[in-house]
Amino acid sequence: MDPINGILPGVASQRIQATPDHARTQLATSFKDMLKQVNDAQLKSDQETKKLITGETDNLHNVMISAEKASITLQTAVEVRNKAIEAYQEIMRMQV
């Protein structure tokens, strides 16, 4: 499995059709789905941490793994956002 797809399944492999309106809608939907996955990973990490604190679980490994997954998905989302902003700024600098 591709490492990116393992973290954010289905987002990196989506193809965008040629029509601008459809592409914009599909891109916004995929970015929204990616942000939802980031949020879900953060919430799961919080739940695992609370379980460890309250003594419901004693498996520190799973808690740390879920925390790292949440961290990696957040970092990936931030980098995607940064690249999108950078691309937008580059387009705005183009002379017509």
Protein backbone atom coordinates (compact mmCIF):
# COMPACT_ATOMS: atom_id res chain seq x y z
CA MET A 1 0.00 0.00 0.00
CA ASP A 2 1.16 3.49 -0.82
CA PRO A 3 2.23 5.33 2.40
CA ILE A 4 0.13 8.39 1.63
CA ASN A 5 -2.97 6.31 0.94
CA GLY A 6 -2.36 4.40 4.17
CA ILE A 7 -2.64 7.62 6.14
CA LEU A 8 -5.35 9.35 4.13
CA PRO A 9 -7.07 6.60 2.13
CA GLY A 10 -8.68 7.62 -1.12
CA VAL A 11 -7.63 11.26 -1.06
CA ALA A 12 -4.28 11.08 -2.84
CA SER A 13 -5.49 8.69 -5.53
CA GLN A 14 -8.59 10.61 -6.65
CA ARG A 15 -8.64 11.84 -10.24
CA ILE A 16 -10.14 15.16 -11.16
CA GLN A 17 -12.07 15.50 -14.41
CA ALA A 18 -11.31 18.23 -16.91
CA THR A 19 -14.34 20.48 -16.44
CA PRO A 20 -13.47 23.41 -14.15
CA ASP A 21 -16.71 23.40 -12.13
CA HIS A 22 -16.61 19.66 -11.57
CA ALA A 23 -12.90 19.78 -10.73
CA ARG A 24 -13.44 22.57 -8.20
CA THR A 25 -16.33 20.70 -6.56
CA GLN A 26 -14.45 17.41 -6.47
CA LEU A 27 -11.30 19.05 -5.11
CA ALA A 28 -13.25 20.85 -2.37
CA THR A 29 -14.99 17.60 -1.45
CA SER A 30 -11.74 15.65 -1.28
CA PHE A 31 -10.11 18.36 0.85
CA LYS A 32 -13.16 18.37 3.11
CA ASP A 33 -12.91 14.58 3.42
CA MET A 34 -9.22 14.88 4.24
CA LEU A 35 -9.96 17.41 6.99
CA LYS A 36 -12.66 15.10 8.35
CA GLN A 37 -10.11 12.27 8.50
CA VAL A 38 -7.69 14.56 10.34
CA ASN A 39 -10.41 15.46 12.84
CA ASP A 40 -11.36 11.80 13.33
CA ALA A 41 -7.71 10.88 13.98
CA GLN A 42 -7.41 13.69 16.53
CA LEU A 43 -10.61 12.59 18.30
CA LYS A 44 -9.49 8.95 18.39
CA SER A 45 -6.15 10.01 19.84
CA ASP A 46 -7.94 12.05 22.53
CA GLN A 47 -10.17 9.09 23.40
CA GLU A 48 -7.19 6.73 23.67
CA THR A 49 -5.33 9.21 25.88
CA LYS A 50 -8.36 9.62 28.18
CA LYS A 51 -8.66 5.83 28.46
CA LEU A 52 -5.00 5.63 29.49
CA ILE A 53 -5.38 8.43 32.06
CA THR A 54 -8.53 6.93 33.60
CA GLY A 55 -7.02 3.45 33.71
CA GLU A 56 -9.45 1.86 31.25
CA THR A 57 -6.47 0.65 29.24
CA ASP A 58 -2.84 0.02 30.03
CA ASN A 59 -1.64 -0.36 26.45
CA LEU A 60 0.66 2.62 26.02
CA HIS A 61 1.73 1.44 22.57
CA ASN A 62 -1.74 1.85 21.05
CA VAL A 63 -2.09 5.28 22.65
CA MET A 64 1.23 6.42 21.21
CA ILE A 65 0.43 4.95 17.78
CA SER A 66 -2.91 6.78 17.61
CA ALA A 67 -1.21 10.01 18.73
CA GLU A 68 1.44 9.67 16.00
CA LYS A 69 -1.20 8.91 13.36
CA ALA A 70 -3.08 12.04 14.42
CA SER A 71 0.11 14.08 14.30
CA ILE A 72 1.09 12.79 10.86
CA THR A 73 -2.35 13.39 9.37
CA LEU A 74 -2.37 16.94 10.77
CA GLN A 75 1.10 17.64 9.39
CA THR A 76 0.04 16.28 5.99
CA ALA A 77 -3.06 18.48 5.93
CA VAL A 78 -1.01 21.55 6.86
CA GLU A 79 1.51 20.81 4.09
CA VAL A 80 -1.27 20.33 1.53
CA ARG A 81 -2.76 23.66 2.60
CA ASN A 82 0.65 25.34 2.37
CA LYS A 83 1.22 23.97 -1.13
CA ALA A 84 -2.23 25.11 -2.25
CA ILE A 85 -1.58 28.63 -0.93
CA GLU A 86 1.85 28.66 -2.53
CA ALA A 87 0.36 27.60 -5.88
CA TYR A 88 -2.34 30.28 -5.60
CA GLN A 89 0.26 32.94 -4.86
CA GLU A 90 2.34 31.79 -7.81
CA ILE A 91 -0.68 32.05 -10.12
CA MET A 92 -1.42 35.55 -8.80
CA ARG A 93 2.15 36.62 -9.61
CA MET A 94 1.79 35.55 -13.25
CA GLN A 95 1.58 38.34 -15.75
CA VAL A 96 -1.27 38.21 -18.23
